[in-house]
């Protein structure tokens, strides 16, 4: 953002991280992704 480059996300094409609401949503999505990763990792370990 400091470089003037926008990041667009295919799964959330309307999200604009340059706005206050978009930045808040970005944090929520990243936290959810980390939680999902931990859950999937545990499930994958069980499969292994």
ModelCIF file with pLDDT and N, C-alpha, C, O atoms, coordinates in Angstrom:
data_MODEL
#
_entry.id   MODEL 
#
_entity.id                         1 
_entity.type                       polymer 
_entity.pdbx_number_of_molecules   1 
#
_entity_poly.entity_id                      1 
_entity_poly.type                           'polypeptide(L)' 
_entity_poly.nstd_linkage                   no 
_entity_poly.nstd_monomer                   no 
_entity_poly.pdbx_seq_one_letter_code       
;(UNK)(UNK)(UNK)(UNK)(UNK)(UNK)(UNK)(UNK)(UNK)(UNK)(UNK)(UNK)(UNK)(UNK)(UNK)(UNK)
(UNK)(UNK)(UNK)(UNK)(UNK)(UNK)(UNK)(UNK)(UNK)(UNK)(UNK)(UNK)(UNK)(UNK)(UNK)(UNK)
(UNK)(UNK)(UNK)(UNK)(UNK)(UNK)(UNK)(UNK)(UNK)(UNK)(UNK)(UNK)(UNK)(UNK)(UNK)(UNK)
;
_entity_poly.pdbx_seq_one_letter_code_can   XXXXXXXXXXXXXXXXXXXXXXXXXXXXXXXXXXXXXXXXXXXXXXXX 
_entity_poly.pdbx_strand_id                 A 
#
loop_
_entity_poly_seq.entity_id 
_entity_poly_seq.num 
_entity_poly_seq.mon_id 
_entity_poly_seq.hetero 
1 1  UNK n 
1 2  UNK n 
1 3  UNK n 
1 4  UNK n 
1 5  UNK n 
1 6  UNK n 
1 7  UNK n 
1 8  UNK n 
1 9  UNK n 
1 10 UNK n 
1 11 UNK n 
1 12 UNK n 
1 13 UNK n 
1 14 UNK n 
1 15 UNK n 
1 16 UNK n 
1 17 UNK n 
1 18 UNK n 
1 19 UNK n 
1 20 UNK n 
1 21 UNK n 
1 22 UNK n 
1 23 UNK n 
1 24 UNK n 
1 25 UNK n 
1 26 UNK n 
1 27 UNK n 
1 28 UNK n 
1 29 UNK n 
1 30 UNK n 
1 31 UNK n 
1 32 UNK n 
1 33 UNK n 
1 34 UNK n 
1 35 UNK n 
1 36 UNK n 
1 37 UNK n 
1 38 UNK n 
1 39 UNK n 
1 40 UNK n 
1 41 UNK n 
1 42 UNK n 
1 43 UNK n 
1 44 UNK n 
1 45 UNK n 
1 46 UNK n 
1 47 UNK n 
1 48 UNK n 
#
_struct_asym.id          A 
_struct_asym.entity_id   1 
#
loop_
_ma_qa_metric.id 
_ma_qa_metric.mode 
_ma_qa_metric.name 
_ma_qa_metric.software_group_id 
_ma_qa_metric.type 
1 global pLDDT . pLDDT 
2 local  pLDDT . pLDDT 
#
_ma_qa_metric_global.metric_id      1 
_ma_qa_metric_global.metric_value   76.46 
_ma_qa_metric_global.model_id       1 
_ma_qa_metric_global.ordinal_id     1 
#
loop_
_ma_qa_metric_local.label_asym_id 
_ma_qa_metric_local.label_comp_id 
_ma_qa_metric_local.label_seq_id 
_ma_qa_metric_local.metric_id 
_ma_qa_metric_local.metric_value 
_ma_qa_metric_local.model_id 
_ma_qa_metric_local.ordinal_id 
A UNK 1  2 87.00 1 1  
A UNK 2  2 88.00 1 2  
A UNK 3  2 90.00 1 3  
A UNK 4  2 90.00 1 4  
A UNK 5  2 91.00 1 5  
A UNK 6  2 90.00 1 6  
A UNK 7  2 90.00 1 7  
A UNK 8  2 91.00 1 8  
A UNK 9  2 91.00 1 9  
A UNK 10 2 92.00 1 10 
A UNK 11 2 89.00 1 11 
A UNK 12 2 88.00 1 12 
A UNK 13 2 89.00 1 13 
A UNK 14 2 86.00 1 14 
A UNK 15 2 87.00 1 15 
A UNK 16 2 85.00 1 16 
A UNK 17 2 81.00 1 17 
A UNK 18 2 84.00 1 18 
A UNK 19 2 84.00 1 19 
A UNK 20 2 83.00 1 20 
A UNK 21 2 80.00 1 21 
A UNK 22 2 77.00 1 22 
A UNK 23 2 77.00 1 23 
A UNK 24 2 80.00 1 24 
A UNK 25 2 81.00 1 25 
A UNK 26 2 79.00 1 26 
A UNK 27 2 74.00 1 27 
A UNK 28 2 77.00 1 28 
A UNK 29 2 78.00 1 29 
A UNK 30 2 76.00 1 30 
A UNK 31 2 74.00 1 31 
A UNK 32 2 71.00 1 32 
A UNK 33 2 68.00 1 33 
A UNK 34 2 67.00 1 34 
A UNK 35 2 64.00 1 35 
A UNK 36 2 64.00 1 36 
A UNK 37 2 62.00 1 37 
A UNK 38 2 62.00 1 38 
A UNK 39 2 59.00 1 39 
A UNK 40 2 58.00 1 40 
A UNK 41 2 60.00 1 41 
A UNK 42 2 61.00 1 42 
A UNK 43 2 60.00 1 43 
A UNK 44 2 58.00 1 44 
A UNK 45 2 59.00 1 45 
A UNK 46 2 62.00 1 46 
A UNK 47 2 63.00 1 47 
A UNK 48 2 63.00 1 48 
#
loop_
_atom_site.group_PDB 
_atom_site.id 
_atom_site.type_symbol 
_atom_site.label_atom_id 
_atom_site.label_alt_id 
_atom_site.label_comp_id 
_atom_site.label_asym_id 
_atom_site.label_entity_id 
_atom_site.label_seq_id 
_atom_site.pdbx_PDB_ins_code 
_atom_site.Cartn_x 
_atom_site.Cartn_y 
_atom_site.Cartn_z 
_atom_site.occupancy 
_atom_site.B_iso_or_equiv 
_atom_site.pdbx_formal_charge 
_atom_site.auth_seq_id 
_atom_site.auth_comp_id 
_atom_site.auth_asym_id 
_atom_site.auth_atom_id 
_atom_site.pdbx_PDB_model_num 
ATOM 1   N N  . UNK A 1 1  ? 0.834   -1.204  0.000  1.00 87.00 ? 1  UNK A N  1 
ATOM 2   C CA . UNK A 1 1  ? 0.000   0.000   0.000  1.00 87.00 ? 1  UNK A CA 1 
ATOM 3   C C  . UNK A 1 1  ? 0.866   1.250   0.000  1.00 87.00 ? 1  UNK A C  1 
ATOM 4   O O  . UNK A 1 1  ? 0.559   2.216   -0.699 1.00 87.00 ? 1  UNK A O  1 
ATOM 5   N N  . UNK A 1 2  ? 1.955   1.243   0.783  1.00 88.00 ? 2  UNK A N  1 
ATOM 6   C CA . UNK A 1 2  ? 2.865   2.382   0.816  1.00 88.00 ? 2  UNK A CA 1 
ATOM 7   C C  . UNK A 1 2  ? 3.489   2.637   -0.543 1.00 88.00 ? 2  UNK A C  1 
ATOM 8   O O  . UNK A 1 2  ? 3.815   3.776   -0.879 1.00 88.00 ? 2  UNK A O  1 
ATOM 9   N N  . UNK A 1 3  ? 3.657   1.578   -1.327 1.00 90.00 ? 3  UNK A N  1 
ATOM 10  C CA . UNK A 1 3  ? 4.231   1.715   -2.663 1.00 90.00 ? 3  UNK A CA 1 
ATOM 11  C C  . UNK A 1 3  ? 3.183   2.081   -3.708 1.00 90.00 ? 3  UNK A C  1 
ATOM 12  O O  . UNK A 1 3  ? 3.501   2.258   -4.884 1.00 90.00 ? 3  UNK A O  1 
ATOM 13  N N  . UNK A 1 4  ? 1.929   2.195   -3.267 1.00 90.00 ? 4  UNK A N  1 
ATOM 14  C CA . UNK A 1 4  ? 0.857   2.531   -4.193 1.00 90.00 ? 4  UNK A CA 1 
ATOM 15  C C  . UNK A 1 4  ? 0.334   1.341   -4.963 1.00 90.00 ? 4  UNK A C  1 
ATOM 16  O O  . UNK A 1 4  ? -0.342  1.513   -5.977 1.00 90.00 ? 4  UNK A O  1 
ATOM 17  N N  . UNK A 1 5  ? 0.632   0.136   -4.504 1.00 91.00 ? 5  UNK A N  1 
ATOM 18  C CA . UNK A 1 5  ? 0.218   -1.090  -5.196 1.00 91.00 ? 5  UNK A CA 1 
ATOM 19  C C  . UNK A 1 5  ? -0.951  -1.716  -4.449 1.00 91.00 ? 5  UNK A C  1 
ATOM 20  O O  . UNK A 1 5  ? -0.847  -2.010  -3.258 1.00 91.00 ? 5  UNK A O  1 
ATOM 21  N N  . UNK A 1 6  ? -2.049  -1.918  -5.137 1.00 90.00 ? 6  UNK A N  1 
ATOM 22  C CA . UNK A 1 6  ? -3.218  -2.543  -4.530 1.00 90.00 ? 6  UNK A CA 1 
ATOM 23  C C  . UNK A 1 6  ? -3.119  -4.063  -4.628 1.00 90.00 ? 6  UNK A C  1 
ATOM 24  O O  . UNK A 1 6  ? -2.645  -4.608  -5.625 1.00 90.00 ? 6  UNK A O  1 
ATOM 25  N N  . UNK A 1 7  ? -3.570  -4.727  -3.584 1.00 90.00 ? 7  UNK A N  1 
ATOM 26  C CA . UNK A 1 7  ? -3.654  -6.187  -3.589 1.00 90.00 ? 7  UNK A CA 1 
ATOM 27  C C  . UNK A 1 7  ? -5.111  -6.573  -3.788 1.00 90.00 ? 7  UNK A C  1 
ATOM 28  O O  . UNK A 1 7  ? -5.979  -6.170  -3.014 1.00 90.00 ? 7  UNK A O  1 
ATOM 29  N N  . UNK A 1 8  ? -5.374  -7.356  -4.826 1.00 91.00 ? 8  UNK A N  1 
ATOM 30  C CA . UNK A 1 8  ? -6.724  -7.827  -5.112 1.00 91.00 ? 8  UNK A CA 1 
ATOM 31  C C  . UNK A 1 8  ? -6.797  -9.320  -4.804 1.00 91.00 ? 8  UNK A C  1 
ATOM 32  O O  . UNK A 1 8  ? -5.873  -10.071 -5.115 1.00 91.00 ? 8  UNK A O  1 
ATOM 33  N N  . UNK A 1 9  ? -7.900  -9.745  -4.192 1.00 91.00 ? 9  UNK A N  1 
ATOM 34  C CA . UNK A 1 9  ? -8.063  -11.128 -3.755 1.00 91.00 ? 9  UNK A CA 1 
ATOM 35  C C  . UNK A 1 9  ? -9.229  -11.754 -4.510 1.00 91.00 ? 9  UNK A C  1 
ATOM 36  O O  . UNK A 1 9  ? -10.354 -11.258 -4.439 1.00 91.00 ? 9  UNK A O  1 
ATOM 37  N N  . UNK A 1 10 ? -8.966  -12.844 -5.235 1.00 92.00 ? 10 UNK A N  1 
ATOM 38  C CA . UNK A 1 10 ? -10.003 -13.461 -6.065 1.00 92.00 ? 10 UNK A CA 1 
ATOM 39  C C  . UNK A 1 10 ? -11.174 -13.970 -5.233 1.00 92.00 ? 10 UNK A C  1 
ATOM 40  O O  . UNK A 1 10 ? -12.322 -13.885 -5.670 1.00 92.00 ? 10 UNK A O  1 
ATOM 41  N N  . UNK A 1 11 ? -10.907 -14.490 -4.055 1.00 89.00 ? 11 UNK A N  1 
ATOM 42  C CA . UNK A 1 11 ? -11.984 -15.012 -3.216 1.00 89.00 ? 11 UNK A CA 1 
ATOM 43  C C  . UNK A 1 11 ? -12.825 -13.899 -2.596 1.00 89.00 ? 11 UNK A C  1 
ATOM 44  O O  . UNK A 1 11 ? -13.944 -14.146 -2.146 1.00 89.00 ? 11 UNK A O  1 
ATOM 45  N N  . UNK A 1 12 ? -12.294 -12.674 -2.568 1.00 88.00 ? 12 UNK A N  1 
ATOM 46  C CA . UNK A 1 12 ? -13.013 -11.499 -2.048 1.00 88.00 ? 12 UNK A CA 1 
ATOM 47  C C  . UNK A 1 12 ? -12.736 -10.319 -2.981 1.00 88.00 ? 12 UNK A C  1 
ATOM 48  O O  . UNK A 1 12 ? -12.076 -9.361  -2.579 1.00 88.00 ? 12 UNK A O  1 
ATOM 49  N N  . UNK A 1 13 ? -13.229 -10.373 -4.220 1.00 89.00 ? 13 UNK A N  1 
ATOM 50  C CA . UNK A 1 13 ? -12.860 -9.376  -5.233 1.00 89.00 ? 13 UNK A CA 1 
ATOM 51  C C  . UNK A 1 13 ? -13.248 -7.940  -4.903 1.00 89.00 ? 13 UNK A C  1 
ATOM 52  O O  . UNK A 1 13 ? -12.650 -7.004  -5.433 1.00 89.00 ? 13 UNK A O  1 
ATOM 53  N N  . UNK A 1 14 ? -14.237 -7.754  -4.037 1.00 86.00 ? 14 UNK A N  1 
ATOM 54  C CA . UNK A 1 14 ? -14.689 -6.393  -3.726 1.00 86.00 ? 14 UNK A CA 1 
ATOM 55  C C  . UNK A 1 14 ? -13.951 -5.797  -2.531 1.00 86.00 ? 14 UNK A C  1 
ATOM 56  O O  . UNK A 1 14 ? -14.138 -4.619  -2.225 1.00 86.00 ? 14 UNK A O  1 
ATOM 57  N N  . UNK A 1 15 ? -13.127 -6.570  -1.859 1.00 87.00 ? 15 UNK A N  1 
ATOM 58  C CA . UNK A 1 15 ? -12.436 -6.065  -0.674 1.00 87.00 ? 15 UNK A CA 1 
ATOM 59  C C  . UNK A 1 15 ? -11.383 -5.030  -1.056 1.00 87.00 ? 15 UNK A C  1 
ATOM 60  O O  . UNK A 1 15 ? -10.557 -5.271  -1.936 1.00 87.00 ? 15 UNK A O  1 
ATOM 61  N N  . UNK A 1 16 ? -11.416 -3.895  -0.401 1.00 85.00 ? 16 UNK A N  1 
ATOM 62  C CA . UNK A 1 16 ? -10.440 -2.820  -0.625 1.00 85.00 ? 16 UNK A CA 1 
ATOM 63  C C  . UNK A 1 16 ? -9.695  -2.581  0.678  1.00 85.00 ? 16 UNK A C  1 
ATOM 64  O O  . UNK A 1 16 ? -10.225 -1.950  1.593  1.00 85.00 ? 16 UNK A O  1 
ATOM 65  N N  . UNK A 1 17 ? -8.474  -3.078  0.766  1.00 81.00 ? 17 UNK A N  1 
ATOM 66  C CA . UNK A 1 17 ? -7.700  -2.990  2.014  1.00 81.00 ? 17 UNK A CA 1 
ATOM 67  C C  . UNK A 1 17 ? -7.252  -1.568  2.313  1.00 81.00 ? 17 UNK A C  1 
ATOM 68  O O  . UNK A 1 17 ? -6.695  -1.314  3.381  1.00 81.00 ? 17 UNK A O  1 
ATOM 69  N N  . UNK A 1 18 ? -7.486  -0.620  1.378  1.00 84.00 ? 18 UNK A N  1 
ATOM 70  C CA . UNK A 1 18 ? -7.079  0.753   1.617  1.00 84.00 ? 18 UNK A CA 1 
ATOM 71  C C  . UNK A 1 18 ? -8.113  1.533   2.434  1.00 84.00 ? 18 UNK A C  1 
ATOM 72  O O  . UNK A 1 18 ? -7.857  2.661   2.853  1.00 84.00 ? 18 UNK A O  1 
ATOM 73  N N  . UNK A 1 19 ? -9.270  0.932   2.655  1.00 84.00 ? 19 UNK A N  1 
ATOM 74  C CA . UNK A 1 19 ? -10.294 1.587   3.453  1.00 84.00 ? 19 UNK A CA 1 
ATOM 75  C C  . UNK A 1 19 ? -10.261 1.039   4.877  1.00 84.00 ? 19 UNK A C  1 
ATOM 76  O O  . UNK A 1 19 ? -9.797  -0.081  5.087  1.00 84.00 ? 19 UNK A O  1 
ATOM 77  N N  . UNK A 1 20 ? -10.745 1.806   5.866  1.00 83.00 ? 20 UNK A N  1 
ATOM 78  C CA . UNK A 1 20 ? -10.742 1.310   7.255  1.00 83.00 ? 20 UNK A CA 1 
ATOM 79  C C  . UNK A 1 20 ? -11.511 0.004   7.411  1.00 83.00 ? 20 UNK A C  1 
ATOM 80  O O  . UNK A 1 20 ? -11.043 -0.912  8.087  1.00 83.00 ? 20 UNK A O  1 
ATOM 81  N N  . UNK A 1 21 ? -12.693 -0.094  6.789  1.00 80.00 ? 21 UNK A N  1 
ATOM 82  C CA . UNK A 1 21 ? -13.480 -1.319  6.905  1.00 80.00 ? 21 UNK A CA 1 
ATOM 83  C C  . UNK A 1 21 ? -12.786 -2.478  6.187  1.00 80.00 ? 21 UNK A C  1 
ATOM 84  O O  . UNK A 1 21 ? -12.818 -3.619  6.650  1.00 80.00 ? 21 UNK A O  1 
ATOM 85  N N  . UNK A 1 22 ? -12.160 -2.166  5.052  1.00 77.00 ? 22 UNK A N  1 
ATOM 86  C CA . UNK A 1 22 ? -11.439 -3.210  4.319  1.00 77.00 ? 22 UNK A CA 1 
ATOM 87  C C  . UNK A 1 22 ? -10.248 -3.730  5.087  1.00 77.00 ? 22 UNK A C  1 
ATOM 88  O O  . UNK A 1 22 ? -9.962  -4.927  5.069  1.00 77.00 ? 22 UNK A O  1 
ATOM 89  N N  . UNK A 1 23 ? -9.544  -2.822  5.769  1.00 77.00 ? 23 UNK A N  1 
ATOM 90  C CA . UNK A 1 23 ? -8.384  -3.232  6.573  1.00 77.00 ? 23 UNK A CA 1 
ATOM 91  C C  . UNK A 1 23 ? -8.823  -4.107  7.748  1.00 77.00 ? 23 UNK A C  1 
ATOM 92  O O  . UNK A 1 23 ? -8.147  -5.075  8.098  1.00 77.00 ? 23 UNK A O  1 
ATOM 93  N N  . UNK A 1 24 ? -9.952  -3.760  8.348  1.00 80.00 ? 24 UNK A N  1 
ATOM 94  C CA . UNK A 1 24 ? -10.472 -4.571  9.448  1.00 80.00 ? 24 UNK A CA 1 
ATOM 95  C C  . UNK A 1 24 ? -10.861 -5.958  8.942  1.00 80.00 ? 24 UNK A C  1 
ATOM 96  O O  . UNK A 1 24 ? -10.560 -6.965  9.584  1.00 80.00 ? 24 UNK A O  1 
ATOM 97  N N  . UNK A 1 25 ? -11.535 -6.007  7.782  1.00 81.00 ? 25 UNK A N  1 
ATOM 98  C CA . UNK A 1 25 ? -11.940 -7.287  7.206  1.00 81.00 ? 25 UNK A CA 1 
ATOM 99  C C  . UNK A 1 25 ? -10.723 -8.126  6.838  1.00 81.00 ? 25 UNK A C  1 
ATOM 100 O O  . UNK A 1 25 ? -10.738 -9.350  6.968  1.00 81.00 ? 25 UNK A O  1 
ATOM 101 N N  . UNK A 1 26 ? -9.673  -7.459  6.380  1.00 79.00 ? 26 UNK A N  1 
ATOM 102 C CA . UNK A 1 26 ? -8.442  -8.163  6.027  1.00 79.00 ? 26 UNK A CA 1 
ATOM 103 C C  . UNK A 1 26 ? -7.872  -8.884  7.241  1.00 79.00 ? 26 UNK A C  1 
ATOM 104 O O  . UNK A 1 26 ? -7.461  -10.039 7.138  1.00 79.00 ? 26 UNK A O  1 
ATOM 105 N N  . UNK A 1 27 ? -7.843  -8.214  8.387  1.00 74.00 ? 27 UNK A N  1 
ATOM 106 C CA . UNK A 1 27 ? -7.351  -8.844  9.605  1.00 74.00 ? 27 UNK A CA 1 
ATOM 107 C C  . UNK A 1 27 ? -8.187  -10.035 10.007 1.00 74.00 ? 27 UNK A C  1 
ATOM 108 O O  . UNK A 1 27 ? -7.660  -11.054 10.453 1.00 74.00 ? 27 UNK A O  1 
ATOM 109 N N  . UNK A 1 28 ? -9.513  -9.905  9.847  1.00 77.00 ? 28 UNK A N  1 
ATOM 110 C CA . UNK A 1 28 ? -10.412 -11.021 10.169 1.00 77.00 ? 28 UNK A CA 1 
ATOM 111 C C  . UNK A 1 28 ? -10.146 -12.208 9.254  1.00 77.00 ? 28 UNK A C  1 
ATOM 112 O O  . UNK A 1 28 ? -10.093 -13.349 9.712  1.00 77.00 ? 28 UNK A O  1 
ATOM 113 N N  . UNK A 1 29 ? -9.979  -11.941 7.954  1.00 78.00 ? 29 UNK A N  1 
ATOM 114 C CA . UNK A 1 29 ? -9.749  -13.022 6.989  1.00 78.00 ? 29 UNK A CA 1 
ATOM 115 C C  . UNK A 1 29 ? -8.419  -13.721 7.250  1.00 78.00 ? 29 UNK A C  1 
ATOM 116 O O  . UNK A 1 29 ? -8.336  -14.946 7.158  1.00 78.00 ? 29 UNK A O  1 
ATOM 117 N N  . UNK A 1 30 ? -7.378  -12.955 7.575  1.00 76.00 ? 30 UNK A N  1 
ATOM 118 C CA . UNK A 1 30 ? -6.076  -13.561 7.859  1.00 76.00 ? 30 UNK A CA 1 
ATOM 119 C C  . UNK A 1 30 ? -6.134  -14.417 9.125  1.00 76.00 ? 30 UNK A C  1 
ATOM 120 O O  . UNK A 1 30 ? -5.542  -15.495 9.172  1.00 76.00 ? 30 UNK A O  1 
ATOM 121 N N  . UNK A 1 31 ? -6.840  -13.944 10.144 1.00 74.00 ? 31 UNK A N  1 
ATOM 122 C CA . UNK A 1 31 ? -6.981  -14.727 11.369 1.00 74.00 ? 31 UNK A CA 1 
ATOM 123 C C  . UNK A 1 31 ? -7.764  -16.008 11.109 1.00 74.00 ? 31 UNK A C  1 
ATOM 124 O O  . UNK A 1 31 ? -7.422  -17.070 11.629 1.00 74.00 ? 31 UNK A O  1 
ATOM 125 N N  . UNK A 1 32 ? -8.818  -15.901 10.300 1.00 71.00 ? 32 UNK A N  1 
ATOM 126 C CA . UNK A 1 32 ? -9.617  -17.084 9.958  1.00 71.00 ? 32 UNK A CA 1 
ATOM 127 C C  . UNK A 1 32 ? -8.795  -18.083 9.161  1.00 71.00 ? 32 UNK A C  1 
ATOM 128 O O  . UNK A 1 32 ? -8.906  -19.293 9.357  1.00 71.00 ? 32 UNK A O  1 
ATOM 129 N N  . UNK A 1 33 ? -7.956  -17.555 8.246  1.00 68.00 ? 33 UNK A N  1 
ATOM 130 C CA . UNK A 1 33 ? -7.112  -18.437 7.436  1.00 68.00 ? 33 UNK A CA 1 
ATOM 131 C C  . UNK A 1 33 ? -6.122  -19.187 8.306  1.00 68.00 ? 33 UNK A C  1 
ATOM 132 O O  . UNK A 1 33 ? -5.860  -20.367 8.074  1.00 68.00 ? 33 UNK A O  1 
ATOM 133 N N  . UNK A 1 34 ? -5.566  -18.508 9.311  1.00 67.00 ? 34 UNK A N  1 
ATOM 134 C CA . UNK A 1 34 ? -4.612  -19.165 10.208 1.00 67.00 ? 34 UNK A CA 1 
ATOM 135 C C  . UNK A 1 34 ? -5.311  -20.258 11.018 1.00 67.00 ? 34 UNK A C  1 
ATOM 136 O O  . UNK A 1 34 ? -4.771  -21.349 11.203 1.00 67.00 ? 34 UNK A O  1 
ATOM 137 N N  . UNK A 1 35 ? -6.524  -19.949 11.500 1.00 64.00 ? 35 UNK A N  1 
ATOM 138 C CA . UNK A 1 35 ? -7.283  -20.948 12.254 1.00 64.00 ? 35 UNK A CA 1 
ATOM 139 C C  . UNK A 1 35 ? -7.596  -22.153 11.373 1.00 64.00 ? 35 UNK A C  1 
ATOM 140 O O  . UNK A 1 35 ? -7.446  -23.299 11.796 1.00 64.00 ? 35 UNK A O  1 
ATOM 141 N N  . UNK A 1 36 ? -8.031  -21.884 10.147 1.00 64.00 ? 36 UNK A N  1 
ATOM 142 C CA . UNK A 1 36 ? -8.353  -22.970 9.226  1.00 64.00 ? 36 UNK A CA 1 
ATOM 143 C C  . UNK A 1 36 ? -7.122  -23.808 8.926  1.00 64.00 ? 36 UNK A C  1 
ATOM 144 O O  . UNK A 1 36 ? -7.207  -25.031 8.819  1.00 64.00 ? 36 UNK A O  1 
ATOM 145 N N  . UNK A 1 37 ? -5.968  -23.142 8.789  1.00 62.00 ? 37 UNK A N  1 
ATOM 146 C CA . UNK A 1 37 ? -4.720  -23.854 8.519  1.00 62.00 ? 37 UNK A CA 1 
ATOM 147 C C  . UNK A 1 37 ? -4.380  -24.806 9.653  1.00 62.00 ? 37 UNK A C  1 
ATOM 148 O O  . UNK A 1 37 ? -3.961  -25.940 9.419  1.00 62.00 ? 37 UNK A O  1 
ATOM 149 N N  . UNK A 1 38 ? -4.566  -24.333 10.901 1.00 62.00 ? 38 UNK A N  1 
ATOM 150 C CA . UNK A 1 38 ? -4.269  -25.177 12.055 1.00 62.00 ? 38 UNK A CA 1 
ATOM 151 C C  . UNK A 1 38 ? -5.189  -26.395 12.092 1.00 62.00 ? 38 UNK A C  1 
ATOM 152 O O  . UNK A 1 38 ? -4.752  -27.508 12.382 1.00 62.00 ? 38 UNK A O  1 
ATOM 153 N N  . UNK A 1 39 ? -6.474  -26.168 11.793 1.00 59.00 ? 39 UNK A N  1 
ATOM 154 C CA . UNK A 1 39 ? -7.439  -27.271 11.798 1.00 59.00 ? 39 UNK A CA 1 
ATOM 155 C C  . UNK A 1 39 ? -7.109  -28.276 10.706 1.00 59.00 ? 39 UNK A C  1 
ATOM 156 O O  . UNK A 1 39 ? -7.099  -29.484 10.942 1.00 59.00 ? 39 UNK A O  1 
ATOM 157 N N  . UNK A 1 40 ? -6.835  -27.760 9.491  1.00 58.00 ? 40 UNK A N  1 
ATOM 158 C CA . UNK A 1 40 ? -6.514  -28.646 8.376  1.00 58.00 ? 40 UNK A CA 1 
ATOM 159 C C  . UNK A 1 40 ? -5.228  -29.410 8.643  1.00 58.00 ? 40 UNK A C  1 
ATOM 160 O O  . UNK A 1 40 ? -5.114  -30.592 8.319  1.00 58.00 ? 40 UNK A O  1 
ATOM 161 N N  . UNK A 1 41 ? -4.237  -28.705 9.253  1.00 60.00 ? 41 UNK A N  1 
ATOM 162 C CA . UNK A 1 41 ? -2.975  -29.364 9.567  1.00 60.00 ? 41 UNK A CA 1 
ATOM 163 C C  . UNK A 1 41 ? -3.158  -30.527 10.524 1.00 60.00 ? 41 UNK A C  1 
ATOM 164 O O  . UNK A 1 41 ? -2.549  -31.583 10.357 1.00 60.00 ? 41 UNK A O  1 
ATOM 165 N N  . UNK A 1 42 ? -4.006  -30.326 11.534 1.00 61.00 ? 42 UNK A N  1 
ATOM 166 C CA . UNK A 1 42 ? -4.276  -31.397 12.493 1.00 61.00 ? 42 UNK A CA 1 
ATOM 167 C C  . UNK A 1 42 ? -4.975  -32.561 11.817 1.00 61.00 ? 42 UNK A C  1 
ATOM 168 O O  . UNK A 1 42 ? -4.674  -33.725 12.084 1.00 61.00 ? 42 UNK A O  1 
ATOM 169 N N  . UNK A 1 43 ? -5.921  -32.230 10.927 1.00 60.00 ? 43 UNK A N  1 
ATOM 170 C CA . UNK A 1 43 ? -6.639  -33.274 10.204 1.00 60.00 ? 43 UNK A CA 1 
ATOM 171 C C  . UNK A 1 43 ? -5.702  -34.018 9.257  1.00 60.00 ? 43 UNK A C  1 
ATOM 172 O O  . UNK A 1 43 ? -5.766  -35.242 9.139  1.00 60.00 ? 43 UNK A O  1 
ATOM 173 N N  . UNK A 1 44 ? -4.830  -33.265 8.583  1.00 58.00 ? 44 UNK A N  1 
ATOM 174 C CA . UNK A 1 44 ? -3.882  -33.887 7.660  1.00 58.00 ? 44 UNK A CA 1 
ATOM 175 C C  . UNK A 1 44 ? -2.920  -34.800 8.401  1.00 58.00 ? 44 UNK A C  1 
ATOM 176 O O  . UNK A 1 44 ? -2.577  -35.876 7.912  1.00 58.00 ? 44 UNK A O  1 
ATOM 177 N N  . UNK A 1 45 ? -2.478  -34.368 9.595  1.00 59.00 ? 45 UNK A N  1 
ATOM 178 C CA . UNK A 1 45 ? -1.581  -35.192 10.400 1.00 59.00 ? 45 UNK A CA 1 
ATOM 179 C C  . UNK A 1 45 ? -2.256  -36.506 10.767 1.00 59.00 ? 45 UNK A C  1 
ATOM 180 O O  . UNK A 1 45 ? -1.633  -37.568 10.742 1.00 59.00 ? 45 UNK A O  1 
ATOM 181 N N  . UNK A 1 46 ? -3.549  -36.419 11.109 1.00 62.00 ? 46 UNK A N  1 
ATOM 182 C CA . UNK A 1 46 ? -4.283  -37.645 11.418 1.00 62.00 ? 46 UNK A CA 1 
ATOM 183 C C  . UNK A 1 46 ? -4.331  -38.578 10.230 1.00 62.00 ? 46 UNK A C  1 
ATOM 184 O O  . UNK A 1 46 ? -4.211  -39.794 10.379 1.00 62.00 ? 46 UNK A O  1 
ATOM 185 N N  . UNK A 1 47 ? -4.510  -37.997 9.025  1.00 63.00 ? 47 UNK A N  1 
ATOM 186 C CA . UNK A 1 47 ? -4.518  -38.818 7.815  1.00 63.00 ? 47 UNK A CA 1 
ATOM 187 C C  . UNK A 1 47 ? -3.168  -39.444 7.544  1.00 63.00 ? 47 UNK A C  1 
ATOM 188 O O  . UNK A 1 47 ? -3.088  -40.585 7.089  1.00 63.00 ? 47 UNK A O  1 
ATOM 189 N N  . UNK A 1 48 ? -2.102  -38.704 7.821  1.00 63.00 ? 48 UNK A N  1 
ATOM 190 C CA . UNK A 1 48 ? -0.751  -39.228 7.625  1.00 63.00 ? 48 UNK A CA 1 
ATOM 191 C C  . UNK A 1 48 ? -0.471  -40.375 8.586  1.00 63.00 ? 48 UNK A C  1 
ATOM 192 O O  . UNK A 1 48 ? 0.620   -40.944 8.567  1.00 63.00 ? 48 UNK A O  1 
#
